PDB file of N, CA and C in Angstrom:
ATOM      1  N   MET A   1     -52.740  64.746  31.731  1.00  0.00           N
ATOM      2  CA  MET A   1     -51.392  65.106  32.088  1.00  0.00           C
ATOM      3  C   MET A   1     -50.428  64.546  31.065  1.00  0.00           C
ATOM      4  N   ASP A   2     -49.389  65.331  30.745  1.00  0.00           N
ATOM      5  CA  ASP A   2     -48.351  64.903  29.828  1.00  0.00           C
ATOM      6  C   ASP A   2     -47.091  64.605  30.622  1.00  0.00           C
ATOM      7  N   GLU A   3     -46.292  63.683  30.139  1.00  0.00           N
ATOM      8  CA  GLU A   3     -45.017  63.391  30.775  1.00  0.00           C
ATOM      9  C   GLU A   3     -43.902  63.744  29.820  1.00  0.00           C
ATOM     10  N   MET A   4     -42.945  64.544  30.306  1.00  0.00           N
ATOM     11  CA  MET A   4     -41.771  64.885  29.524  1.00  0.00           C
ATOM     12  C   MET A   4     -40.605  64.067  30.050  1.00  0.00           C
ATOM     13  N   LYS A   5     -39.719  63.608  29.177  1.00  0.00           N
ATOM     14  CA  LYS A   5     -38.582  62.812  29.593  1.00  0.00           C
ATOM     15  C   LYS A   5     -37.294  63.567  29.316  1.00  0.00           C
ATOM     16  N   GLY A   6     -36.390  63.602  30.311  1.00  0.00           N
ATOM     17  CA  GLY A   6     -35.069  64.169  30.164  1.00  0.00           C
ATOM     18  C   GLY A   6     -35.019  65.620  29.747  1.00  0.00           C
ATOM     19  N   PHE A   7     -35.039  66.534  30.693  1.00  0.00           N
ATOM     20  CA  PHE A   7     -34.952  67.951  30.375  1.00  0.00           C
ATOM     21  C   PHE A   7     -34.265  68.664  31.519  1.00  0.00           C
ATOM     22  N   SER A   8     -33.819  69.874  31.256  1.00  0.00           N
ATOM     23  CA  SER A   8     -33.286  70.726  32.308  1.00  0.00           C
ATOM     24  C   SER A   8     -33.901  72.105  32.125  1.00  0.00           C
ATOM     25  N   TYR A   9     -33.987  72.851  33.206  1.00  0.00           N
ATOM     26  CA  TYR A   9     -34.522  74.199  33.135  1.00  0.00           C
ATOM     27  C   TYR A   9     -33.841  75.078  34.162  1.00  0.00           C
ATOM     28  N   ILE A  10     -33.903  76.386  33.932  1.00  0.00           N
ATOM     29  CA  ILE A  10     -33.347  77.361  34.863  1.00  0.00           C
ATOM     30  C   ILE A  10     -34.508  78.042  35.553  1.00  0.00           C
ATOM     31  N   ASP A  11     -34.513  78.005  36.878  1.00  0.00           N
ATOM     32  CA  ASP A  11     -35.508  78.729  37.662  1.00  0.00           C
ATOM     33  C   ASP A  11     -35.095  80.195  37.646  1.00  0.00           C
ATOM     34  N   MET A  12     -35.857  81.032  36.933  1.00  0.00           N
ATOM     35  CA  MET A  12     -35.486  82.426  36.748  1.00  0.00           C
ATOM     36  C   MET A  12     -35.524  83.216  38.055  1.00  0.00           C
ATOM     37  N   LEU A  13     -36.287  82.780  39.035  1.00  0.00           N
ATOM     38  CA  LEU A  13     -36.355  83.519  40.293  1.00  0.00           C
ATOM     39  C   LEU A  13     -35.142  83.249  41.162  1.00  0.00           C
ATOM     40  N   SER A  14     -34.683  81.996  41.227  1.00  0.00           N
ATOM     41  CA  SER A  14     -33.546  81.667  42.088  1.00  0.00           C
ATOM     42  C   SER A  14     -32.243  81.531  41.326  1.00  0.00           C
ATOM     43  N   GLY A  15     -32.301  81.345  40.004  1.00  0.00           N
ATOM     44  CA  GLY A  15     -31.107  81.182  39.199  1.00  0.00           C
ATOM     45  C   GLY A  15     -30.532  79.776  39.217  1.00  0.00           C
ATOM     46  N   THR A  16     -31.219  78.846  39.851  1.00  0.00           N
ATOM     47  CA  THR A  16     -30.714  77.475  39.921  1.00  0.00           C
ATOM     48  C   THR A  16     -31.087  76.700  38.669  1.00  0.00           C
ATOM     49  N   VAL A  17     -30.224  75.764  38.328  1.00  0.00           N
ATOM     50  CA  VAL A  17     -30.471  74.890  37.190  1.00  0.00           C
ATOM     51  C   VAL A  17     -30.930  73.547  37.725  1.00  0.00           C
ATOM     52  N   GLU A  18     -32.043  73.072  37.240  1.00  0.00           N
ATOM     53  CA  GLU A  18     -32.604  71.792  37.657  1.00  0.00           C
ATOM     54  C   GLU A  18     -32.542  70.823  36.489  1.00  0.00           C
ATOM     55  N   GLU A  19     -32.135  69.620  36.751  1.00  0.00           N
ATOM     56  CA  GLU A  19     -32.170  68.580  35.730  1.00  0.00           C
ATOM     57  C   GLU A  19     -33.076  67.477  36.229  1.00  0.00           C
ATOM     58  N   ARG A  20     -33.953  67.024  35.383  1.00  0.00           N
ATOM     59  CA  ARG A  20     -34.920  65.992  35.752  1.00  0.00           C
ATOM     60  C   ARG A  20     -34.930  64.914  34.692  1.00  0.00           C
ATOM     61  N   SER A  21     -35.174  63.698  35.131  1.00  0.00           N
ATOM     62  CA  SER A  21     -35.288  62.623  34.153  1.00  0.00           C
ATOM     63  C   SER A  21     -36.700  62.557  33.601  1.00  0.00           C
ATOM     64  N   SER A  22     -37.689  62.933  34.406  1.00  0.00           N
ATOM     65  CA  SER A  22     -39.058  63.028  33.916  1.00  0.00           C
ATOM     66  C   SER A  22     -39.860  63.910  34.864  1.00  0.00           C
ATOM     67  N   VAL A  23     -40.940  64.443  34.369  1.00  0.00           N
ATOM     68  CA  VAL A  23     -41.799  65.301  35.183  1.00  0.00           C
ATOM     69  C   VAL A  23     -43.218  65.174  34.650  1.00  0.00           C
ATOM     70  N   MET A  24     -44.165  65.285  35.538  1.00  0.00           N
ATOM     71  CA  MET A  24     -45.569  65.290  35.133  1.00  0.00           C
ATOM     72  C   MET A  24     -46.012  66.745  35.072  1.00  0.00           C
ATOM     73  N   MET A  25     -46.654  67.112  33.987  1.00  0.00           N
ATOM     74  CA  MET A  25     -47.111  68.488  33.815  1.00  0.00           C
ATOM     75  C   MET A  25     -48.620  68.521  33.679  1.00  0.00           C
ATOM     76  N   GLU A  26     -49.222  69.499  34.346  1.00  0.00           N
ATOM     77  CA  GLU A  26     -50.644  69.743  34.188  1.00  0.00           C
ATOM     78  C   GLU A  26     -50.800  71.084  33.489  1.00  0.00           C
ATOM     79  N   ALA A  27     -51.771  71.180  32.639  1.00  0.00           N
ATOM     80  CA  ALA A  27     -52.017  72.438  31.936  1.00  0.00           C
ATOM     81  C   ALA A  27     -53.331  73.028  32.402  1.00  0.00           C
ATOM     82  N   LEU A  28     -53.285  74.296  32.739  1.00  0.00           N
ATOM     83  CA  LEU A  28     -54.494  75.039  33.073  1.00  0.00           C
ATOM     84  C   LEU A  28     -54.848  75.852  31.835  1.00  0.00           C
ATOM     85  N   VAL A  29     -56.004  75.645  31.294  1.00  0.00           N
ATOM     86  CA  VAL A  29     -56.400  76.332  30.071  1.00  0.00           C
ATOM     87  C   VAL A  29     -57.090  77.647  30.437  1.00  0.00           C
ATOM     88  N   VAL A  30     -56.429  78.732  30.089  1.00  0.00           N
ATOM     89  CA  VAL A  30     -56.989  80.067  30.299  1.00  0.00           C
ATOM     90  C   VAL A  30     -56.777  80.853  29.006  1.00  0.00           C
ATOM     91  N   PRO A  31     -57.580  81.859  28.760  1.00  0.00           N
ATOM     92  CA  PRO A  31     -57.493  82.598  27.495  1.00  0.00           C
ATOM     93  C   PRO A  31     -56.391  83.666  27.483  1.00  0.00           C
ATOM     94  N   VAL A  32     -55.146  83.279  27.720  1.00  0.00           N
ATOM     95  CA  VAL A  32     -54.045  84.239  27.672  1.00  0.00           C
ATOM     96  C   VAL A  32     -53.746  84.558  26.215  1.00  0.00           C
ATOM     97  N   THR A  33     -53.829  85.821  25.861  1.00  0.00           N
ATOM     98  CA  THR A  33     -53.624  86.230  24.469  1.00  0.00           C
ATOM     99  C   THR A  33     -52.348  87.038  24.278  1.00  0.00           C
ATOM    100  N   ALA A  34     -51.681  87.460  25.383  1.00  0.00           N
ATOM    101  CA  ALA A  34     -50.431  88.220  25.279  1.00  0.00           C
ATOM    102  C   ALA A  34     -49.692  88.154  26.610  1.00  0.00           C
ATOM    103  N   LEU A  35     -48.359  88.207  26.539  1.00  0.00           N
ATOM    104  CA  LEU A  35     -47.499  88.210  27.724  1.00  0.00           C
ATOM    105  C   LEU A  35     -46.377  89.218  27.540  1.00  0.00           C
ATOM    106  N   GLU A  36     -45.959  89.861  28.626  1.00  0.00           N
ATOM    107  CA  GLU A  36     -44.815  90.773  28.574  1.00  0.00           C
ATOM    108  C   GLU A  36     -44.253  90.921  29.986  1.00  0.00           C
ATOM    109  N   PHE A  37     -42.937  90.775  30.120  1.00  0.00           N
ATOM    110  CA  PHE A  37     -42.284  91.043  31.396  1.00  0.00           C
ATOM    111  C   PHE A  37     -42.035  92.534  31.514  1.00  0.00           C
ATOM    112  N   LEU A  38     -42.183  93.059  32.725  1.00  0.00           N
ATOM    113  CA  LEU A  38     -41.886  94.452  33.028  1.00  0.00           C
ATOM    114  C   LEU A  38     -40.826  94.426  34.118  1.00  0.00           C
ATOM    115  N   ARG A  39     -39.601  94.747  33.720  1.00  0.00           N
ATOM    116  CA  ARG A  39     -38.446  94.587  34.606  1.00  0.00           C
ATOM    117  C   ARG A  39     -38.408  93.136  35.095  1.00  0.00           C
ATOM    118  N   GLU A  40     -37.830  92.899  36.238  1.00  0.00           N
ATOM    119  CA  GLU A  40     -37.795  91.543  36.791  1.00  0.00           C
ATOM    120  C   GLU A  40     -38.899  91.343  37.813  1.00  0.00           C
ATOM    121  N   GLU A  41     -39.669  92.390  38.060  1.00  0.00           N
ATOM    122  CA  GLU A  41     -40.654  92.345  39.134  1.00  0.00           C
ATOM    123  C   GLU A  41     -42.067  91.994  38.710  1.00  0.00           C
ATOM    124  N   TYR A  42     -42.423  92.190  37.442  1.00  0.00           N
ATOM    125  CA  TYR A  42     -43.817  92.033  37.033  1.00  0.00           C
ATOM    126  C   TYR A  42     -43.954  91.225  35.749  1.00  0.00           C
ATOM    127  N   LEU A  43     -45.081  90.540  35.625  1.00  0.00           N
ATOM    128  CA  LEU A  43     -45.480  89.890  34.386  1.00  0.00           C
ATOM    129  C   LEU A  43     -46.853  90.437  34.033  1.00  0.00           C
ATOM    130  N   LEU A  44     -46.988  90.954  32.814  1.00  0.00           N
ATOM    131  CA  LEU A  44     -48.264  91.485  32.343  1.00  0.00           C
ATOM    132  C   LEU A  44     -48.869  90.462  31.400  1.00  0.00           C
ATOM    133  N   THR A  45     -50.147  90.154  31.596  1.00  0.00           N
ATOM    134  CA  THR A  45     -50.826  89.202  30.718  1.00  0.00           C
ATOM    135  C   THR A  45     -52.080  89.835  30.143  1.00  0.00           C
ATOM    136  N   GLY A  46     -52.340  89.510  28.891  1.00  0.00           N
ATOM    137  CA  GLY A  46     -53.599  89.873  28.264  1.00  0.00           C
ATOM    138  C   GLY A  46     -54.477  88.641  28.277  1.00  0.00           C
ATOM    139  N   GLU A  47     -55.630  88.743  28.876  1.00  0.00           N
ATOM    140  CA  GLU A  47     -56.588  87.637  28.964  1.00  0.00           C
ATOM    141  C   GLU A  47     -57.891  88.155  28.362  1.00  0.00           C
ATOM    142  N   GLY A  48     -58.037  87.950  27.054  1.00  0.00           N
ATOM    143  CA  GLY A  48     -59.160  88.575  26.355  1.00  0.00           C
ATOM    144  C   GLY A  48     -58.950  90.075  26.387  1.00  0.00           C
ATOM    145  N   PRO A  49     -59.917  90.874  26.865  1.00  0.00           N
ATOM    146  CA  PRO A  49     -59.758  92.328  26.931  1.00  0.00           C
ATOM    147  C   PRO A  49     -59.147  92.812  28.250  1.00  0.00           C
ATOM    148  N   ILE A  50     -58.773  91.891  29.126  1.00  0.00           N
ATOM    149  CA  ILE A  50     -58.328  92.242  30.478  1.00  0.00           C
ATOM    150  C   ILE A  50     -56.814  92.156  30.594  1.00  0.00           C
ATOM    151  N   LEU A  51     -56.199  93.225  31.135  1.00  0.00           N
ATOM    152  CA  LEU A  51     -54.778  93.242  31.436  1.00  0.00           C
ATOM    153  C   LEU A  51     -54.629  92.882  32.908  1.00  0.00           C
ATOM    154  N   THR A  52     -53.848  91.848  33.191  1.00  0.00           N
ATOM    155  CA  THR A  52     -53.574  91.447  34.569  1.00  0.00           C
ATOM    156  C   THR A  52     -52.098  91.649  34.842  1.00  0.00           C
ATOM    157  N   VAL A  53     -51.790  92.256  35.994  1.00  0.00           N
ATOM    158  CA  VAL A  53     -50.410  92.483  36.412  1.00  0.00           C
ATOM    159  C   VAL A  53     -50.108  91.520  37.543  1.00  0.00           C
ATOM    160  N   TYR A  54     -49.081  90.692  37.339  1.00  0.00           N
ATOM    161  CA  TYR A  54     -48.629  89.751  38.359  1.00  0.00           C
ATOM    162  C   TYR A  54     -47.335  90.259  38.964  1.00  0.00           C
ATOM    163  N   CYS A  55     -47.289  90.341  40.292  1.00  0.00           N
ATOM    164  CA  CYS A  55     -46.057  90.672  41.004  1.00  0.00           C
ATOM    165  C   CYS A  55     -45.268  89.377  41.140  1.00  0.00           C
ATOM    166  N   LEU A  56     -44.009  89.374  40.739  1.00  0.00           N
ATOM    167  CA  LEU A  56     -43.207  88.156  40.777  1.00  0.00           C
ATOM    168  C   LEU A  56     -42.360  88.037  42.036  1.00  0.00           C
ATOM    169  N   GLN A  57     -42.179  89.132  42.755  1.00  0.00           N
ATOM    170  CA  GLN A  57     -41.338  89.124  43.949  1.00  0.00           C
ATOM    171  C   GLN A  57     -42.186  89.372  45.188  1.00  0.00           C
ATOM    172  N   PRO A  58     -42.062  88.740  46.301  1.00  0.00           N
ATOM    173  CA  PRO A  58     -41.185  87.605  46.559  1.00  0.00           C
ATOM    174  C   PRO A  58     -41.751  86.292  46.008  1.00  0.00           C
ATOM    175  N   GLN A  59     -43.081  86.192  45.882  1.00  0.00           N
ATOM    176  CA  GLN A  59     -43.709  85.025  45.277  1.00  0.00           C
ATOM    177  C   GLN A  59     -44.753  85.507  44.286  1.00  0.00           C
ATOM    178  N   PRO A  60     -44.889  84.837  43.129  1.00  0.00           N
ATOM    179  CA  PRO A  60     -45.846  85.300  42.115  1.00  0.00           C
ATOM    180  C   PRO A  60     -47.283  85.343  42.626  1.00  0.00           C
ATOM    181  N   LYS A  61     -47.953  86.484  42.358  1.00  0.00           N
ATOM    182  CA  LYS A  61     -49.373  86.628  42.680  1.00  0.00           C
ATOM    183  C   LYS A  61     -49.952  87.746  41.837  1.00  0.00           C
ATOM    184  N   ALA A  62     -51.231  87.669  41.570  1.00  0.00           N
ATOM    185  CA  ALA A  62     -51.911  88.712  40.794  1.00  0.00           C
ATOM    186  C   ALA A  62     -52.029  89.967  41.646  1.00  0.00           C
ATOM    187  N   CYS A  63     -51.608  91.100  41.095  1.00  0.00           N
ATOM    188  CA  CYS A  63     -51.682  92.378  41.817  1.00  0.00           C
ATOM    189  C   CYS A  63     -52.954  93.142  41.470  1.00  0.00           C
ATOM    190  N   THR A  64     -53.249  93.198  40.162  1.00  0.00           N
ATOM    191  CA  THR A  64     -54.418  93.950  39.728  1.00  0.00           C
ATOM    192  C   THR A  64     -54.839  93.504  38.337  1.00  0.00           C
ATOM    193  N   SER A  65     -56.084  93.756  37.997  1.00  0.00           N
ATOM    194  CA  SER A  65     -56.614  93.477  36.661  1.00  0.00           C
ATOM    195  C   SER A  65     -57.417  94.677  36.203  1.00  0.00           C
ATOM    196  N   LEU A  66     -57.274  95.005  34.915  1.00  0.00           N
ATOM    197  CA  LEU A  66     -57.988  96.139  34.328  1.00  0.00           C
ATOM    198  C   LEU A  66     -58.643  95.699  33.033  1.00  0.00           C
ATOM    199  N   SER A  67     -59.914  96.024  32.849  1.00  0.00           N
ATOM    200  CA  SER A  67     -60.574  95.762  31.577  1.00  0.00           C
ATOM    201  C   SER A  67     -60.270  96.947  30.671  1.00  0.00           C
ATOM    202  N   LEU A  68     -59.419  96.723  29.647  1.00  0.00           N
ATOM    203  CA  LEU A  68     -58.909  97.832  28.843  1.00  0.00           C
ATOM    204  C   LEU A  68     -59.519  97.966  27.458  1.00  0.00           C
ATOM    205  N   LEU A  69     -59.759  96.853  26.783  1.00  0.00           N
ATOM    206  CA  LEU A  69     -60.115  96.933  25.374  1.00  0.00           C
ATOM    207  C   LEU A  69     -61.575  96.600  25.093  1.00  0.00           C
ATOM    208  N   HIS A  70     -62.397  96.565  26.110  1.00  0.00           N
ATOM    209  CA  HIS A  70     -63.836  96.333  25.990  1.00  0.00           C
ATOM    210  C   HIS A  70     -64.161  95.090  25.160  1.00  0.00           C
ATOM    211  N   ASN A  71     -64.498  95.215  23.899  1.00  0.00           N
ATOM    212  CA  ASN A  71     -64.917  94.062  23.098  1.00  0.00           C
ATOM    213  C   ASN A  71     -63.802  93.448  22.262  1.00  0.00           C
ATOM    214  N   TYR A  72     -62.560  93.888  22.453  1.00  0.00           N
ATOM    215  CA  TYR A  72     -61.442  93.374  21.671  1.00  0.00           C
ATOM    216  C   TYR A  72     -60.484  92.589  22.552  1.00  0.00           C
ATOM    217  N   ARG A  73     -59.864  91.572  21.990  1.00  0.00           N
ATOM    218  CA  ARG A  73     -58.840  90.810  22.711  1.00  0.00           C
ATOM    219  C   ARG A  73     -57.517  91.546  22.658  1.00  0.00           C
ATOM    220  N   ILE A  74     -56.760  91.459  23.738  1.00  0.00           N
ATOM    221  CA  ILE A  74     -55.412  92.015  23.755  1.00  0.00           C
ATOM    222  C   ILE A  74     -54.525  91.097  22.924  1.00  0.00           C
ATOM    223  N   HIS A  75     -53.888  91.661  21.893  1.00  0.00           N
ATOM    224  CA  HIS A  75     -52.991  90.890  21.037  1.00  0.00           C
ATOM    225  C   HIS A  75     -51.533  91.152  21.361  1.00  0.00           C
ATOM    226  N   GLY A  76     -51.238  92.273  21.997  1.00  0.00           N
ATOM    227  CA  GLY A  76     -49.848  92.579  22.312  1.00  0.00           C
ATOM    228  C   GLY A  76     -49.721  93.568  23.439  1.00  0.00           C
ATOM    229  N   ILE A  77     -48.601  93.442  24.155  1.00  0.00           N
ATOM    230  CA  ILE A  77     -48.256  94.339  25.251  1.00  0.00           C
ATOM    231  C   ILE A  77     -46.785  94.682  25.063  1.00  0.00           C
ATOM    232  N   ARG A  78     -46.454  95.950  25.044  1.00  0.00           N
ATOM    233  CA  ARG A  78     -45.057  96.380  24.904  1.00  0.00           C
ATOM    234  C   ARG A  78     -44.783  97.461  25.936  1.00  0.00           C
ATOM    235  N   HIS A  79     -43.598  97.394  26.544  1.00  0.00           N
ATOM    236  CA  HIS A  79     -43.227  98.439  27.491  1.00  0.00           C
ATOM    237  C   HIS A  79     -42.071  99.254  26.933  1.00  0.00           C
ATOM    238  N   LYS A  80     -42.009 100.501  27.346  1.00  0.00           N
ATOM    239  CA  LYS A  80     -40.932 101.387  26.937  1.00  0.00           C
ATOM    240  C   LYS A  80     -39.719 101.061  27.799  1.00  0.00           C
ATOM    241  N   PRO A  81     -38.598 100.713  27.186  1.00  0.00           N
ATOM    242  CA  PRO A  81     -37.409 100.369  27.973  1.00  0.00           C
ATOM    243  C   PRO A  81     -36.909 101.550  28.799  1.00  0.00           C
ATOM    244  N   GLN A  82     -36.414 101.260  29.985  1.00  0.00           N
ATOM    245  CA  GLN A  82     -35.797 102.273  30.839  1.00  0.00           C
ATOM    246  C   GLN A  82     -34.387 102.552  30.331  1.00  0.00           C
ATOM    247  N   PRO A  83     -33.881 103.764  30.527  1.00  0.00           N
ATOM    248  CA  PRO A  83     -32.523 104.086  30.065  1.00  0.00           C
ATOM    249  C   PRO A  83     -31.479 103.242  30.791  1.00  0.00           C
ATOM    250  N   ARG A  84     -30.451 102.833  30.046  1.00  0.00           N
ATOM    251  CA  ARG A  84     -29.376 102.028  30.639  1.00  0.00           C
ATOM    252  C   ARG A  84     -28.093 102.840  30.804  1.00  0.00           C
ATOM    253  N   ASP A  85     -28.162 104.144  30.619  1.00  0.00           N
ATOM    254  CA  ASP A  85     -26.949 104.957  30.656  1.00  0.00           C
ATOM    255  C   ASP A  85     -26.658 105.556  32.030  1.00  0.00           C
ATOM    256  N   GLY A  86     -27.255 105.009  33.071  1.00  0.00           N
ATOM    257  CA  GLY A  86     -26.981 105.486  34.416  1.00  0.00           C
ATOM    258  C   GLY A  86     -27.869 106.617  34.885  1.00  0.00           C
ATOM    259  N   ARG A  87     -28.734 107.110  34.003  1.00  0.00           N
ATOM    260  CA  ARG A  87     -29.644 108.169  34.435  1.00  0.00           C
ATOM    261  C   ARG A  87     -30.631 107.602  35.452  1.00  0.00           C
ATOM    262  N   THR A  88     -31.256 108.495  36.197  1.00  0.00           N
ATOM    263  CA  THR A  88     -32.223 108.080  37.202  1.00  0.00           C
ATOM    264  C   THR A  88     -33.377 107.350  36.536  1.00  0.00           C
ATOM    265  N   ARG A  89     -33.739 106.243  37.120  1.00  0.00           N
ATOM    266  CA  ARG A  89     -34.837 105.433  36.595  1.00  0.00           C
ATOM    267  C   ARG A  89     -36.171 106.112  36.892  1.00  0.00           C
ATOM    268  N   ASP A  90     -37.033 106.170  35.893  1.00  0.00           N
ATOM    269  CA  ASP A  90     -38.362 106.749  36.042  1.00  0.00           C
ATOM    270  C   ASP A  90     -39.195 105.821  36.923  1.00  0.00           C
ATOM    271  N   PRO A  91     -39.874 106.359  37.952  1.00  0.00           N
ATOM    272  CA  PRO A  91     -40.680 105.495  38.825  1.00  0.00           C
ATOM    273  C   PRO A  91     -41.940 104.955  38.141  1.00  0.00           C
ATOM    274  N   GLU A  92     -42.293 105.522  36.985  1.00  0.00           N
ATOM    275  CA  GLU A  92     -43.453 105.050  36.238  1.00  0.00           C
ATOM    276  C   GLU A  92     -42.984 104.353  34.964  1.00  0.00           C
ATOM    277  N   ASP A  93     -43.716 103.326  34.553  1.00  0.00           N
ATOM    278  CA  ASP A  93     -43.422 102.615  33.324  1.00  0.00           C
ATOM    279  C   ASP A  93     -44.532 102.883  32.324  1.00  0.00           C
ATOM    280  N   GLU A  94     -44.144 103.150  31.074  1.00  0.00           N
ATOM    281  CA  GLU A  94     -45.120 103.334  30.013  1.00  0.00           C
ATOM    282  C   GLU A  94     -45.309 102.009  29.289  1.00  0.00           C
ATOM    283  N   VAL A  95     -46.567 101.633  29.104  1.00  0.00           N
ATOM    284  CA  VAL A  95     -46.918 100.358  28.489  1.00  0.00           C
ATOM    285  C   VAL A  95     -47.972 100.615  27.418  1.00  0.00           C
ATOM    286  N   VAL A  96     -47.791  99.990  26.252  1.00  0.00           N
ATOM    287  CA  VAL A  96     -48.776 100.053  25.182  1.00  0.00           C
ATOM    288  C   VAL A  96     -49.478  98.702  25.122  1.00  0.00           C
ATOM    289  N   VAL A  97     -50.794  98.723  25.120  1.00  0.00           N
ATOM    290  CA  VAL A  97     -51.611  97.512  25.011  1.00  0.00           C
ATOM    291  C   VAL A  97     -52.453  97.673  23.747  1.00  0.00           C
ATOM    292  N   PHE A  98     -52.449  96.647  22.881  1.00  0.00           N
ATOM    293  CA  PHE A  98     -53.187  96.789  21.629  1.00  0.00           C
ATOM    294  C   PHE A  98     -53.886  95.504  21.250  1.00  0.00           C
ATOM    295  N   GLY A  99     -54.942  95.660  20.476  1.00  0.00           N
ATOM    296  CA  GLY A  99     -55.711  94.533  19.967  1.00  0.00           C
ATOM    297  C   GLY A  99     -56.899  95.036  19.173  1.00  0.00           C
ATOM    298  N   GLY A 100     -57.268  94.292  18.128  1.00  0.00           N
ATOM    299  CA  GLY A 100     -58.387  94.714  17.298  1.00  0.00           C
ATOM    300  C   GLY A 100     -58.135  96.088  16.724  1.00  0.00           C
ATOM    301  N   LYS A 101     -59.038  97.020  16.965  1.00  0.00           N
ATOM    302  CA  LYS A 101     -58.908  98.387  16.459  1.00  0.00           C
ATOM    303  C   LYS A 101     -58.533  99.371  17.553  1.00  0.00           C
ATOM    304  N   VAL A 102     -58.038  98.863  18.694  1.00  0.00           N
ATOM    305  CA  VAL A 102     -57.801  99.716  19.858  1.00  0.00           C
ATOM    306  C   VAL A 102     -56.337  99.665  20.280  1.00  0.00           C
ATOM    307  N   VAL A 103     -55.800 100.839  20.642  1.00  0.00           N
ATOM    308  CA  VAL A 103     -54.469 100.959  21.237  1.00  0.00           C
ATOM    309  C   VAL A 103     -54.626 101.806  22.489  1.00  0.00           C
ATOM    310  N   ARG A 104     -54.069 101.336  23.601  1.00  0.00           N
ATOM    311  CA  ARG A 104     -54.119 102.101  24.856  1.00  0.00           C
ATOM    312  C   ARG A 104     -52.707 102.306  25.361  1.00  0.00           C
ATOM    313  N   LEU A 105     -52.389 103.509  25.807  1.00  0.00           N
ATOM    314  CA  LEU A 105     -51.111 103.827  26.422  1.00  0.00           C
ATOM    315  C   LEU A 105     -51.350 103.995  27.916  1.00  0.00           C
ATOM    316  N   LEU A 106     -50.601 103.268  28.712  1.00  0.00           N
ATOM    317  CA  LEU A 106     -50.775 103.300  30.162  1.00  0.00           C
ATOM    318  C   LEU A 106     -49.486 103.750  30.842  1.00  0.00           C
ATOM    319  N   ARG A 107     -49.632 104.360  31.985  1.00  0.00           N
ATOM    320  CA  ARG A 107     -48.498 104.631  32.871  1.00  0.00           C
ATOM    321  C   ARG A 107     -48.740 103.820  34.128  1.00  0.00           C
ATOM    322  N   LEU A 108     -47.838 102.916  34.414  1.00  0.00           N
ATOM    323  CA  LEU A 108     -47.952 102.065  35.589  1.00  0.00           C
ATOM    324  C   LEU A 108     -46.921 102.499  36.627  1.00  0.00           C
ATOM    325  N   SER A 109     -47.364 102.622  37.855  1.00  0.00           N
ATOM    326  CA  SER A 109     -46.424 102.911  38.941  1.00  0.00           C
ATOM    327  C   SER A 109     -46.758 101.989  40.094  1.00  0.00           C
ATOM    328  N   ALA A 110     -45.723 101.461  40.717  1.00  0.00           N
ATOM    329  CA  ALA A 110     -45.907 100.539  41.839  1.00  0.00           C
ATOM    330  C   ALA A 110     -46.077 101.321  43.129  1.00  0.00           C
ATOM    331  N   ARG A 111     -47.051 100.944  43.892  1.00  0.00           N
ATOM    332  CA  ARG A 111     -47.242 101.529  45.231  1.00  0.00           C
ATOM    333  C   ARG A 111     -46.486 100.666  46.209  1.00  0.00           C
ATOM    334  N   ARG A 112     -45.640 101.257  46.975  1.00  0.00           N
ATOM    335  CA  ARG A 112     -44.831 100.484  47.934  1.00  0.00           C
ATOM    336  C   ARG A 112     -45.242 100.811  49.339  1.00  0.00           C
TER     337      ARG A 112
END
């Protein structure tokens, strides 16, 4: 465990600012090779060849995992931005996942 002294942070879910004089941190070592936020509701992670989608609302939890790149590690995840000009928001999100010699285009839609 590492100890950090004197820091402040913003909790992105609640918007509160916390100031601490010290905190103990534990690190969980996992093979995360890429990260990307999708709107404010999801976090996409590349863990080797596997894409994992985490739902952030109301509490963070893994929603689904897909093995996308077979023998290649995911090096990047990019999403197509939604229009900001007031047009109707598309219920599906387009996401590009890439690594090694492979590029995959996905359409993600949330089931409610």
